[in-house]
N, C-alpha and C. Protein backbone atom coordinates (compact mmCIF):
# COMPACT_ATOMS: atom_id res chain seq x y z
N UNK A 1 44.42 1.02 12.34
CA UNK A 1 42.89 1.16 12.57
C UNK A 1 42.08 1.40 11.14
N UNK A 2 41.09 0.73 10.76
CA UNK A 2 40.37 0.88 9.54
C UNK A 2 39.66 2.03 9.25
N UNK A 3 39.78 2.70 8.46
CA UNK A 3 38.93 3.85 8.26
C UNK A 3 37.71 3.26 7.60
N UNK A 4 36.49 3.70 8.31
CA UNK A 4 35.12 3.36 7.93
C UNK A 4 34.24 4.58 7.87
N UNK A 5 34.25 5.34 6.71
CA UNK A 5 33.38 6.55 6.52
C UNK A 5 31.80 6.13 6.79
N UNK A 6 30.95 7.08 7.23
CA UNK A 6 29.66 7.01 6.98
C UNK A 6 29.09 8.14 6.68
N UNK A 7 27.52 7.83 6.12
CA UNK A 7 26.93 9.15 5.80
C UNK A 7 27.52 9.64 4.50
N UNK A 8 27.37 10.99 4.64
CA UNK A 8 27.89 12.10 3.41
C UNK A 8 29.42 11.51 2.84
N UNK A 9 30.13 11.38 3.90
CA UNK A 9 31.64 10.95 3.49
C UNK A 9 31.79 9.72 2.83
N UNK A 10 30.89 8.58 3.17
CA UNK A 10 31.06 7.41 2.51
C UNK A 10 30.22 7.81 1.16
N UNK A 11 29.36 8.44 1.12
CA UNK A 11 28.55 8.79 -0.16
C UNK A 11 29.68 9.44 -1.06
N UNK A 12 30.26 10.53 -0.83
CA UNK A 12 31.17 11.03 -1.42
C UNK A 12 32.16 10.37 -2.28
N UNK A 13 32.77 9.38 -1.11
CA UNK A 13 33.80 8.57 -1.81
C UNK A 13 33.24 7.59 -2.82
N UNK A 14 32.24 6.98 -2.66
CA UNK A 14 31.56 6.09 -3.53
C UNK A 14 31.36 6.90 -4.83
N UNK A 15 30.82 8.04 -4.60
CA UNK A 15 30.40 8.92 -6.06
C UNK A 15 32.01 9.21 -6.99
N UNK A 16 33.15 9.27 -5.93
CA UNK A 16 34.23 9.48 -6.70
C UNK A 16 34.65 8.14 -7.26
N UNK A 17 34.39 6.98 -6.55
CA UNK A 17 34.77 5.73 -7.14
C UNK A 17 34.10 5.40 -8.47
N UNK A 18 32.85 5.76 -8.53
CA UNK A 18 32.14 5.64 -9.69
C UNK A 18 32.68 6.53 -10.81
N UNK A 19 32.90 7.62 -10.47
CA UNK A 19 33.62 8.49 -11.86
C UNK A 19 35.06 8.01 -12.10
N UNK A 20 35.73 7.33 -11.25
CA UNK A 20 36.99 6.83 -11.69
C UNK A 20 37.06 5.62 -12.34
N UNK A 21 36.77 5.53 -13.48
CA UNK A 21 36.64 4.09 -14.17
C UNK A 21 37.99 3.55 -14.02
N UNK A 22 37.66 2.22 -13.84
CA UNK A 22 38.91 0.99 -13.58
C UNK A 22 39.42 1.00 -12.23
N UNK A 23 38.90 2.02 -11.24
CA UNK A 23 39.02 1.87 -9.85
C UNK A 23 38.29 0.51 -9.34
N UNK A 24 39.11 -0.14 -8.29
CA UNK A 24 38.23 -1.35 -7.73
C UNK A 24 37.61 -0.92 -6.29
N UNK A 25 36.48 -0.65 -6.54
CA UNK A 25 35.65 -0.28 -5.36
C UNK A 25 35.63 -1.04 -4.09
N UNK A 26 36.05 -0.76 -2.83
CA UNK A 26 36.44 -1.32 -1.90
C UNK A 26 35.52 -0.71 -0.64
N UNK A 27 34.16 -1.07 -0.56
CA UNK A 27 33.37 -0.43 0.43
C UNK A 27 32.84 -1.42 1.62
N UNK A 28 33.83 -2.30 2.02
CA UNK A 28 33.25 -3.19 3.11
C UNK A 28 33.07 -2.44 4.18
N UNK A 29 31.95 -2.61 4.88
CA UNK A 29 31.31 -2.30 6.20
C UNK A 29 31.05 -0.68 6.09
N UNK A 30 31.20 -0.13 5.00
CA UNK A 30 30.77 1.39 4.79
C UNK A 30 29.40 1.55 4.88
N UNK A 31 29.00 2.90 5.41
CA UNK A 31 27.60 3.00 5.60
C UNK A 31 27.16 4.23 4.60
N UNK A 32 26.24 3.82 3.54
CA UNK A 32 26.04 4.75 2.46
C UNK A 32 24.65 5.13 2.33
N UNK A 33 23.96 5.21 3.71
CA UNK A 33 22.69 5.78 3.64
C UNK A 33 22.73 7.05 3.18
N UNK A 34 21.56 7.43 2.72
CA UNK A 34 21.14 8.90 2.23
C UNK A 34 21.59 8.99 0.85
N UNK A 35 22.29 8.01 0.07
CA UNK A 35 22.80 8.26 -1.33
C UNK A 35 21.83 7.95 -2.24
N UNK A 36 22.13 8.63 -3.42
CA UNK A 36 21.43 8.43 -4.71
C UNK A 36 22.55 7.78 -5.62
N UNK A 37 22.49 6.43 -5.91
CA UNK A 37 23.61 5.97 -6.79
C UNK A 37 23.10 5.38 -8.02
N UNK A 38 22.06 5.84 -8.29
CA UNK A 38 21.36 5.15 -9.84
C UNK A 38 22.38 5.11 -10.72
N UNK A 39 22.17 4.17 -11.46
CA UNK A 39 23.21 3.92 -12.77
C UNK A 39 24.40 3.70 -12.43
N UNK A 40 25.05 3.56 -11.31
CA UNK A 40 26.36 3.13 -11.01
C UNK A 40 26.76 2.06 -11.47
N UNK A 41 28.13 1.68 -11.80
CA UNK A 41 28.70 0.48 -12.38
C UNK A 41 29.83 0.08 -11.02
N UNK A 42 29.21 -0.90 -10.40
CA UNK A 42 29.83 -1.41 -9.36
C UNK A 42 30.34 -2.73 -9.64
N UNK A 43 30.53 -3.08 -10.98
CA UNK A 43 31.10 -4.52 -11.20
C UNK A 43 32.27 -4.92 -10.35
N UNK A 44 32.23 -6.12 -9.59
CA UNK A 44 33.20 -6.72 -8.89
C UNK A 44 33.55 -5.81 -7.66
N UNK A 45 32.57 -4.97 -7.37
CA UNK A 45 33.04 -4.20 -5.99
C UNK A 45 32.76 -5.06 -5.08
N UNK A 46 33.29 -4.59 -3.90
CA UNK A 46 33.06 -5.25 -2.33
C UNK A 46 32.09 -4.28 -1.75
N UNK A 47 31.04 -4.87 -1.32
CA UNK A 47 29.95 -4.33 -0.33
C UNK A 47 29.78 -5.09 0.88
N UNK A 48 30.70 -6.17 1.08
CA UNK A 48 30.43 -6.90 2.24
C UNK A 48 30.23 -5.99 3.60
N UNK A 49 29.01 -6.53 4.24
CA UNK A 49 28.53 -6.30 5.19
C UNK A 49 28.37 -4.29 5.26
N UNK A 50 28.19 -3.86 4.24
CA UNK A 50 27.92 -2.46 3.97
C UNK A 50 26.60 -2.12 4.36
N UNK A 51 25.99 -0.74 4.76
CA UNK A 51 24.83 -0.37 4.96
C UNK A 51 24.52 0.32 3.83
N UNK A 52 23.33 -0.37 2.87
CA UNK A 52 22.86 0.50 1.88
C UNK A 52 21.24 0.59 2.11
N UNK A 53 20.96 0.75 3.35
CA UNK A 53 19.44 0.59 3.56
C UNK A 53 18.73 1.94 3.03
N UNK A 54 17.70 1.93 2.32
CA UNK A 54 17.22 3.21 1.77
C UNK A 54 17.96 3.68 0.59
N UNK A 55 18.90 3.43 -0.05
CA UNK A 55 19.85 3.64 -0.97
C UNK A 55 19.01 3.72 -2.26
N UNK A 56 19.13 4.48 -3.23
CA UNK A 56 18.54 4.42 -4.62
C UNK A 56 19.53 3.90 -5.23
N UNK A 57 19.40 2.69 -5.91
CA UNK A 57 20.36 2.14 -6.85
C UNK A 57 19.67 1.54 -8.07
N UNK A 58 18.71 2.17 -8.72
CA UNK A 58 18.09 1.99 -9.96
C UNK A 58 18.99 1.84 -11.08
N UNK A 59 19.05 0.60 -11.61
CA UNK A 59 19.82 0.53 -12.84
C UNK A 59 21.25 0.45 -12.44
N UNK A 60 21.32 0.19 -11.21
CA UNK A 60 22.97 -0.08 -11.00
C UNK A 60 23.52 -1.40 -11.36
N UNK A 61 24.75 -1.29 -11.76
CA UNK A 61 25.32 -2.75 -12.20
C UNK A 61 26.25 -3.37 -10.90
N UNK A 62 25.89 -4.49 -10.47
CA UNK A 62 26.59 -5.32 -9.39
C UNK A 62 27.02 -6.40 -10.00
N UNK A 63 27.47 -6.75 -11.35
CA UNK A 63 27.96 -7.96 -11.76
C UNK A 63 28.90 -8.41 -11.00
N UNK A 64 28.95 -9.54 -10.76
CA UNK A 64 29.79 -10.35 -9.80
C UNK A 64 30.27 -9.57 -8.45
N UNK A 65 29.33 -8.52 -8.07
CA UNK A 65 29.98 -8.02 -6.82
C UNK A 65 29.68 -8.57 -5.50
N UNK A 66 30.19 -8.39 -4.38
CA UNK A 66 30.18 -9.16 -3.06
C UNK A 66 29.37 -8.22 -2.34
N UNK A 67 27.93 -8.64 -2.09
CA UNK A 67 27.15 -7.80 -1.13
C UNK A 67 26.90 -8.72 0.08
N UNK A 68 27.72 -9.48 0.37
CA UNK A 68 27.21 -10.63 1.54
C UNK A 68 27.25 -9.90 2.67
N UNK A 69 26.01 -10.41 3.48
CA UNK A 69 25.68 -9.60 4.71
C UNK A 69 25.40 -8.30 4.57
N UNK A 70 25.33 -7.65 3.46
CA UNK A 70 24.88 -6.12 3.31
C UNK A 70 23.53 -5.86 3.80
N UNK A 71 23.19 -4.67 4.34
CA UNK A 71 21.88 -4.26 4.69
C UNK A 71 21.23 -3.48 3.62
N UNK A 72 20.30 -4.00 2.93
CA UNK A 72 19.61 -3.33 1.89
C UNK A 72 18.28 -3.06 1.99
N UNK A 73 17.69 -3.03 3.27
CA UNK A 73 16.35 -2.71 3.75
C UNK A 73 16.06 -1.52 3.05
N UNK A 74 14.91 -1.71 2.22
CA UNK A 74 14.18 -0.70 1.57
C UNK A 74 14.95 -0.13 0.22
N UNK A 75 16.22 -0.66 0.13
CA UNK A 75 16.67 -0.14 -1.06
C UNK A 75 15.99 -0.17 -2.31
N UNK A 76 16.33 0.78 -3.38
CA UNK A 76 15.51 0.53 -4.61
C UNK A 76 16.54 0.25 -5.63
N UNK A 77 16.32 -1.06 -6.01
CA UNK A 77 17.05 -1.84 -6.94
C UNK A 77 16.45 -1.95 -8.30
N UNK A 78 15.46 -1.17 -8.65
CA UNK A 78 14.70 -1.23 -9.79
C UNK A 78 15.61 -1.39 -10.85
N UNK A 79 15.36 -2.55 -11.84
CA UNK A 79 16.20 -2.63 -13.17
C UNK A 79 17.65 -3.04 -12.71
N UNK A 80 18.21 -3.11 -11.65
CA UNK A 80 19.68 -3.36 -11.33
C UNK A 80 19.95 -4.75 -11.95
N UNK A 81 21.54 -4.79 -12.45
CA UNK A 81 22.10 -5.98 -12.89
C UNK A 81 22.69 -6.52 -11.53
N UNK A 82 22.29 -7.77 -11.16
CA UNK A 82 22.78 -8.49 -10.08
C UNK A 82 23.24 -9.85 -10.64
N UNK A 83 23.74 -9.72 -11.83
CA UNK A 83 24.14 -11.25 -12.54
C UNK A 83 25.23 -11.67 -11.68
N UNK A 84 25.36 -12.91 -11.13
CA UNK A 84 26.38 -13.35 -10.33
C UNK A 84 26.66 -12.83 -9.19
N UNK A 85 26.08 -11.96 -8.77
CA UNK A 85 26.23 -11.18 -7.33
C UNK A 85 26.09 -12.14 -6.39
N UNK A 86 26.83 -12.09 -5.08
CA UNK A 86 26.69 -12.90 -3.81
C UNK A 86 26.10 -11.82 -2.91
N UNK A 87 24.75 -12.35 -2.78
CA UNK A 87 23.91 -11.64 -1.62
C UNK A 87 23.69 -12.48 -0.57
N UNK A 88 24.73 -13.56 -0.25
CA UNK A 88 24.58 -14.34 0.93
C UNK A 88 24.47 -13.69 2.32
N UNK A 89 23.47 -13.91 2.96
CA UNK A 89 23.11 -13.18 4.25
C UNK A 89 22.90 -11.87 4.13
N UNK A 90 22.43 -11.30 3.04
CA UNK A 90 22.00 -9.97 2.99
C UNK A 90 20.67 -9.78 3.38
N UNK A 91 20.36 -8.32 3.87
CA UNK A 91 19.06 -8.15 4.38
C UNK A 91 18.33 -7.32 3.07
N UNK A 92 17.35 -7.99 2.35
CA UNK A 92 16.55 -7.37 1.30
C UNK A 92 15.02 -7.01 2.06
N UNK A 93 14.92 -6.83 3.16
CA UNK A 93 13.52 -6.43 3.53
C UNK A 93 13.00 -5.51 2.95
N UNK A 94 11.83 -5.55 2.60
CA UNK A 94 10.96 -4.39 1.88
C UNK A 94 11.84 -3.67 0.67
N UNK A 95 12.86 -4.34 0.04
CA UNK A 95 13.68 -3.69 -0.89
C UNK A 95 12.83 -3.70 -2.33
N UNK A 96 13.19 -2.84 -3.20
CA UNK A 96 12.45 -3.20 -4.63
C UNK A 96 13.38 -3.50 -5.58
N UNK A 97 13.21 -4.58 -6.20
CA UNK A 97 14.17 -5.32 -7.23
C UNK A 97 13.32 -5.51 -8.36
N UNK A 98 12.37 -4.83 -8.69
CA UNK A 98 11.53 -4.88 -9.87
C UNK A 98 12.38 -4.82 -10.99
N UNK A 99 12.14 -5.78 -11.95
CA UNK A 99 12.64 -5.85 -13.39
C UNK A 99 14.38 -5.96 -13.18
N UNK A 100 14.74 -6.29 -11.79
CA UNK A 100 16.06 -6.93 -11.79
C UNK A 100 16.77 -7.94 -12.56
N UNK A 101 17.95 -8.16 -12.75
CA UNK A 101 18.39 -9.22 -13.56
C UNK A 101 19.20 -9.92 -12.53
N UNK A 102 18.69 -11.11 -11.90
CA UNK A 102 19.49 -11.99 -10.82
C UNK A 102 19.83 -13.49 -11.36
N UNK A 103 20.37 -13.32 -12.80
CA UNK A 103 20.89 -14.50 -13.25
C UNK A 103 22.16 -15.28 -12.44
N UNK A 104 22.14 -16.33 -11.87
CA UNK A 104 23.12 -16.99 -11.48
C UNK A 104 23.69 -16.31 -10.16
N UNK A 105 22.62 -15.50 -9.53
CA UNK A 105 22.99 -14.84 -8.27
C UNK A 105 22.78 -15.58 -7.16
N UNK A 106 23.60 -15.38 -6.31
CA UNK A 106 23.51 -16.42 -4.87
C UNK A 106 22.75 -15.72 -3.81
N UNK A 107 21.82 -16.41 -3.25
CA UNK A 107 21.22 -15.88 -2.09
C UNK A 107 20.99 -17.03 -0.93
N UNK A 108 21.76 -16.85 -0.13
CA UNK A 108 21.84 -18.02 1.06
C UNK A 108 21.49 -17.28 2.34
N UNK A 109 20.36 -17.60 3.09
CA UNK A 109 20.11 -17.10 4.25
C UNK A 109 19.56 -15.53 4.28
N UNK A 110 19.00 -15.35 3.15
CA UNK A 110 18.58 -13.80 3.07
C UNK A 110 17.27 -13.64 3.36
N UNK A 111 17.09 -12.16 4.23
CA UNK A 111 15.69 -11.81 4.40
C UNK A 111 15.06 -11.06 3.49
N UNK A 112 14.42 -11.52 2.58
CA UNK A 112 13.59 -10.72 1.49
C UNK A 112 12.29 -10.54 1.82
N UNK A 113 11.71 -10.59 2.92
CA UNK A 113 10.39 -10.44 3.40
C UNK A 113 9.77 -9.15 3.04
N UNK A 114 8.75 -9.12 2.47
CA UNK A 114 8.13 -7.78 2.01
C UNK A 114 8.90 -7.16 0.68
N UNK A 115 9.77 -7.99 0.19
CA UNK A 115 10.53 -7.17 -0.90
C UNK A 115 9.61 -7.53 -2.13
N UNK A 116 9.85 -6.66 -3.22
CA UNK A 116 9.16 -6.55 -4.45
C UNK A 116 9.91 -7.26 -5.63
N UNK A 117 9.69 -8.24 -6.11
CA UNK A 117 10.42 -8.90 -7.33
C UNK A 117 9.52 -8.78 -8.57
N UNK A 118 8.72 -7.73 -8.80
CA UNK A 118 7.66 -7.77 -9.90
C UNK A 118 8.54 -7.72 -11.31
N UNK A 119 8.56 -8.68 -12.09
CA UNK A 119 9.16 -8.92 -13.47
C UNK A 119 10.62 -9.31 -13.12
N UNK A 120 11.10 -9.52 -12.19
CA UNK A 120 12.58 -9.92 -11.95
C UNK A 120 12.97 -11.12 -12.66
N UNK A 121 14.07 -11.18 -13.20
CA UNK A 121 14.71 -12.30 -13.81
C UNK A 121 15.40 -13.15 -12.98
N UNK A 122 15.10 -14.40 -12.09
CA UNK A 122 15.74 -15.18 -11.33
C UNK A 122 15.96 -16.44 -12.00
N UNK A 123 17.13 -16.41 -12.55
CA UNK A 123 17.52 -17.56 -13.61
C UNK A 123 18.96 -18.35 -13.10
N UNK A 124 18.74 -19.57 -13.17
CA UNK A 124 19.93 -20.35 -12.70
C UNK A 124 20.55 -19.87 -11.14
N UNK A 125 19.76 -19.11 -10.48
CA UNK A 125 20.27 -18.61 -9.15
C UNK A 125 19.97 -19.63 -8.11
N UNK A 126 20.76 -19.40 -6.96
CA UNK A 126 20.68 -20.40 -5.79
C UNK A 126 20.14 -19.60 -4.63
N UNK A 127 18.78 -20.00 -4.29
CA UNK A 127 18.08 -19.39 -3.33
C UNK A 127 17.82 -20.56 -2.16
N UNK A 128 18.67 -20.25 -1.19
CA UNK A 128 18.64 -21.54 0.08
C UNK A 128 18.32 -20.65 1.20
N UNK A 129 17.18 -20.98 1.88
CA UNK A 129 16.95 -20.42 3.30
C UNK A 129 16.46 -18.83 3.18
N UNK A 130 15.71 -18.44 1.76
CA UNK A 130 15.44 -17.16 1.98
C UNK A 130 13.95 -16.93 2.40
N UNK A 131 13.82 -16.01 3.16
CA UNK A 131 12.55 -15.62 3.67
C UNK A 131 11.74 -14.60 2.68
N UNK A 132 10.70 -15.26 2.06
CA UNK A 132 9.98 -14.33 0.97
C UNK A 132 8.58 -14.28 1.46
N UNK A 133 8.40 -14.32 2.77
CA UNK A 133 6.91 -14.11 3.31
C UNK A 133 6.54 -12.56 3.00
N UNK A 134 5.61 -12.18 2.43
CA UNK A 134 4.92 -11.19 2.19
C UNK A 134 5.62 -10.50 0.90
N UNK A 135 6.37 -10.98 0.20
CA UNK A 135 7.11 -10.74 -0.95
C UNK A 135 6.01 -10.74 -2.15
N UNK A 136 6.48 -10.03 -3.22
CA UNK A 136 5.64 -9.63 -4.32
C UNK A 136 6.30 -10.18 -5.64
N UNK A 137 6.12 -11.45 -6.14
CA UNK A 137 6.66 -11.99 -7.24
C UNK A 137 5.91 -12.13 -8.49
N UNK A 138 5.10 -10.97 -8.56
CA UNK A 138 4.34 -10.83 -9.75
C UNK A 138 4.96 -10.69 -11.06
N UNK A 139 4.83 -11.58 -12.10
CA UNK A 139 5.37 -11.54 -13.11
C UNK A 139 6.84 -12.10 -13.37
N UNK A 140 7.45 -12.48 -12.22
CA UNK A 140 8.68 -12.60 -12.09
C UNK A 140 8.98 -14.00 -12.95
N UNK A 141 10.24 -14.06 -13.45
CA UNK A 141 10.63 -15.21 -14.49
C UNK A 141 11.58 -16.08 -13.74
N UNK A 142 11.36 -17.40 -13.65
CA UNK A 142 12.33 -18.44 -12.84
C UNK A 142 12.64 -19.38 -13.95
N UNK A 143 13.99 -19.74 -13.78
CA UNK A 143 14.55 -20.83 -14.45
C UNK A 143 15.70 -21.65 -14.01
N UNK A 144 15.44 -22.67 -13.53
CA UNK A 144 16.14 -23.88 -12.93
C UNK A 144 16.90 -23.32 -11.81
N UNK A 145 16.00 -22.71 -11.00
CA UNK A 145 16.76 -22.04 -9.62
C UNK A 145 16.58 -23.16 -8.64
N UNK A 146 17.62 -23.13 -7.70
CA UNK A 146 17.30 -23.82 -6.35
C UNK A 146 16.47 -23.00 -5.50
N UNK A 147 15.24 -23.47 -5.29
CA UNK A 147 14.14 -22.48 -4.82
C UNK A 147 13.80 -22.93 -3.30
N UNK A 148 14.68 -22.90 -2.39
CA UNK A 148 14.34 -23.51 -1.12
C UNK A 148 14.09 -22.05 -0.31
N UNK A 149 12.77 -21.71 -0.22
CA UNK A 149 12.38 -20.20 0.36
C UNK A 149 11.24 -20.37 1.19
N UNK A 150 10.99 -19.48 2.09
CA UNK A 150 9.75 -19.67 2.83
C UNK A 150 8.68 -18.74 2.45
N UNK A 151 7.66 -19.07 2.27
CA UNK A 151 6.55 -18.09 1.74
C UNK A 151 5.40 -18.10 2.65
N UNK A 152 4.37 -17.15 2.59
CA UNK A 152 2.91 -17.12 3.14
C UNK A 152 1.85 -16.96 2.33
N UNK A 153 0.88 -16.89 2.96
CA UNK A 153 -0.49 -16.37 2.31
C UNK A 153 -0.26 -15.02 1.64
N UNK A 154 0.63 -14.19 2.26
CA UNK A 154 0.70 -12.99 1.71
C UNK A 154 1.78 -12.54 0.54
N UNK A 155 2.40 -13.66 0.27
CA UNK A 155 3.36 -13.91 -0.84
C UNK A 155 2.46 -13.79 -2.17
N UNK A 156 2.84 -12.78 -3.09
CA UNK A 156 2.12 -12.77 -4.40
C UNK A 156 2.81 -13.31 -5.37
N UNK A 157 2.01 -14.45 -6.00
CA UNK A 157 2.79 -15.10 -7.01
C UNK A 157 2.00 -15.15 -8.40
N UNK A 158 0.95 -14.23 -8.47
CA UNK A 158 0.45 -13.93 -9.77
C UNK A 158 1.46 -13.68 -10.92
N UNK A 159 1.05 -14.55 -12.12
CA UNK A 159 2.12 -14.44 -13.34
C UNK A 159 3.25 -14.96 -13.08
N UNK A 160 3.84 -15.30 -11.99
CA UNK A 160 5.18 -16.03 -11.80
C UNK A 160 5.22 -17.36 -12.82
N UNK A 161 6.33 -17.53 -13.34
CA UNK A 161 6.49 -18.37 -14.70
C UNK A 161 7.88 -19.07 -14.26
N UNK A 162 8.04 -20.29 -14.92
CA UNK A 162 9.29 -20.70 -15.16
C UNK A 162 9.51 -22.31 -14.38
N UNK A 163 10.73 -22.41 -14.25
CA UNK A 163 11.10 -23.93 -13.71
C UNK A 163 11.90 -23.62 -12.31
N UNK A 164 11.42 -24.59 -11.35
CA UNK A 164 12.57 -24.52 -10.14
C UNK A 164 12.65 -25.92 -9.53
N UNK A 165 13.77 -25.98 -8.67
CA UNK A 165 13.93 -26.93 -8.03
C UNK A 165 13.51 -26.94 -6.69
N UNK A 166 12.31 -27.69 -6.20
CA UNK A 166 11.79 -27.09 -4.73
C UNK A 166 12.91 -27.85 -3.54
N UNK A 167 12.14 -28.01 -2.54
CA UNK A 167 10.88 -27.60 -2.05
C UNK A 167 10.92 -26.45 -1.70
N UNK A 168 9.56 -25.86 -1.34
CA UNK A 168 9.49 -24.60 -0.47
C UNK A 168 8.73 -24.71 0.83
N UNK A 169 8.82 -23.76 1.79
CA UNK A 169 7.98 -23.98 3.00
C UNK A 169 7.02 -22.72 3.01
N UNK A 170 5.90 -23.31 3.24
CA UNK A 170 4.80 -22.22 3.50
C UNK A 170 4.44 -21.96 4.85
N UNK A 171 4.54 -20.96 5.22
CA UNK A 171 4.43 -20.55 6.68
C UNK A 171 2.97 -20.13 7.01
N UNK A 172 2.34 -20.76 7.84
CA UNK A 172 0.73 -20.49 8.33
C UNK A 172 0.76 -19.90 9.61
N UNK A 173 1.83 -19.05 9.93
CA UNK A 173 1.73 -18.49 11.57
C UNK A 173 2.27 -19.42 12.40
N UNK A 174 1.69 -20.25 13.14
CA UNK A 174 2.00 -21.08 14.34
C UNK A 174 2.36 -22.47 13.70
N UNK A 175 2.35 -22.74 12.19
CA UNK A 175 2.81 -23.99 11.67
C UNK A 175 3.24 -23.64 10.28
N UNK A 176 3.94 -24.75 9.59
CA UNK A 176 4.39 -24.80 8.50
C UNK A 176 4.51 -26.14 7.68
N UNK A 177 4.40 -25.88 6.77
CA UNK A 177 4.37 -27.22 5.87
C UNK A 177 5.48 -27.23 4.34
N UNK A 178 5.97 -28.39 4.23
CA UNK A 178 6.89 -28.13 3.04
C UNK A 178 6.11 -28.71 1.56
N UNK A 179 6.25 -28.23 0.49
CA UNK A 179 5.60 -28.27 -0.55
C UNK A 179 6.76 -28.69 -1.74
N UNK A 180 6.48 -29.68 -2.55
CA UNK A 180 7.38 -30.14 -3.65
C UNK A 180 6.68 -30.78 -4.74
N UNK A 181 7.22 -30.94 -5.99
CA UNK A 181 6.82 -31.56 -6.92
C UNK A 181 5.03 -31.16 -7.50
N UNK A 182 4.26 -31.98 -7.68
CA UNK A 182 2.93 -31.74 -8.39
C UNK A 182 2.26 -30.84 -7.25
N UNK A 183 2.50 -31.02 -5.91
CA UNK A 183 1.68 -30.18 -4.99
C UNK A 183 2.03 -28.81 -4.75
N UNK A 184 3.22 -28.60 -5.06
CA UNK A 184 3.68 -27.27 -5.35
C UNK A 184 3.61 -26.50 -6.48
N UNK A 185 3.41 -27.30 -7.75
CA UNK A 185 2.69 -26.71 -8.85
C UNK A 185 1.51 -26.31 -8.59
N UNK A 186 0.69 -27.16 -8.01
CA UNK A 186 -0.76 -26.91 -7.81
C UNK A 186 -0.91 -25.81 -6.93
N UNK A 187 -0.42 -25.60 -5.87
CA UNK A 187 -0.27 -24.50 -4.94
C UNK A 187 0.02 -23.19 -5.63
N UNK A 188 1.03 -23.17 -6.29
CA UNK A 188 1.42 -21.78 -7.13
C UNK A 188 0.47 -21.63 -8.25
N UNK A 189 -0.16 -22.64 -8.78
CA UNK A 189 -1.23 -22.41 -10.04
C UNK A 189 -2.56 -21.67 -9.14
N UNK A 190 -2.62 -22.40 -8.05
CA UNK A 190 -3.96 -21.81 -7.41
C UNK A 190 -4.04 -20.42 -7.05
N UNK A 191 -2.62 -19.66 -7.06
CA UNK A 191 -2.24 -18.30 -6.66
C UNK A 191 -1.98 -17.66 -8.04
N UNK A 192 -2.30 -18.21 -9.28
CA UNK A 192 -2.11 -17.57 -10.54
C UNK A 192 -0.87 -17.33 -11.08
N UNK A 193 0.17 -18.47 -10.51
CA UNK A 193 1.42 -18.63 -11.21
C UNK A 193 1.30 -19.87 -12.10
N UNK A 194 2.41 -20.13 -12.86
CA UNK A 194 2.64 -21.44 -13.58
C UNK A 194 4.07 -21.82 -13.51
N UNK A 195 4.44 -22.57 -12.63
CA UNK A 195 5.83 -22.94 -12.32
C UNK A 195 5.84 -24.43 -12.81
N UNK A 196 6.87 -24.99 -13.32
CA UNK A 196 7.13 -26.25 -13.39
C UNK A 196 8.25 -26.46 -12.32
N UNK A 197 7.92 -27.64 -11.50
CA UNK A 197 8.83 -28.14 -10.45
C UNK A 197 9.72 -29.17 -11.15
N UNK A 198 11.20 -29.15 -11.01
CA UNK A 198 12.00 -30.05 -11.69
C UNK A 198 12.52 -30.88 -10.48
N UNK A 199 12.24 -32.58 -10.79
CA UNK A 199 12.92 -33.39 -9.94
C UNK A 199 14.25 -33.17 -9.44
N UNK A 200 14.75 -33.41 -8.25
CA UNK A 200 16.06 -33.24 -8.18
C UNK A 200 16.88 -34.01 -8.84
N UNK A 201 18.23 -33.61 -9.37
CA UNK A 201 19.16 -34.48 -10.02
C UNK A 201 19.57 -35.61 -9.25
N UNK A 202 19.72 -36.76 -10.05
CA UNK A 202 20.26 -37.84 -9.49
C UNK A 202 21.61 -37.95 -9.80
N UNK A 203 22.52 -38.60 -8.37
CA UNK A 203 23.80 -38.64 -8.65
C UNK A 203 24.23 -39.67 -9.65
N UNK A 204 25.30 -39.57 -10.63
CA UNK A 204 25.54 -40.48 -11.28
C UNK A 204 25.86 -41.96 -10.63
N UNK A 205 25.34 -43.12 -11.13
CA UNK A 205 25.79 -44.41 -10.47
C UNK A 205 27.26 -44.97 -11.00
């Protein structure tokens, strides 16, 4: 039978892991709610299907960590290092990722509705089927990301800069439309952003 600690016990174990340098953290399906783990080094750690809702993780390091299907609802990831992190299927609803580093992170099938990405570096990342309705992307920096996301009129794009591979889906309540190329650039521009949409790469002949 797999031991699956929750609450205070899980938090205590995680704090011990953080203190024990070189220990490979294995937190699959654990419940860490109520923890303050700011500044923790979780390099290559496993948080698959873990519950981290509302957890304070400011400045934490998740380099190459596996956060697949983790619940990060309302978590504070301000300034976190998420370089090459696997966030596929994770829930980032209303999470705060301001100033986070998401270079080459993988986000597929992610609910990031209402999340804050103010000043976040999203570069060379893969975003497929990501719900960013109501998200705040103020001053976020993009670089050659696959950016197949869903946004709406409440998504804040002021100061958003960089380059993306589209298209994106704009949800208007009862209907939605797909935007790509110059039309997408103009739509973002009208909302205070300046993004260049890169044409899809052609397969070699």
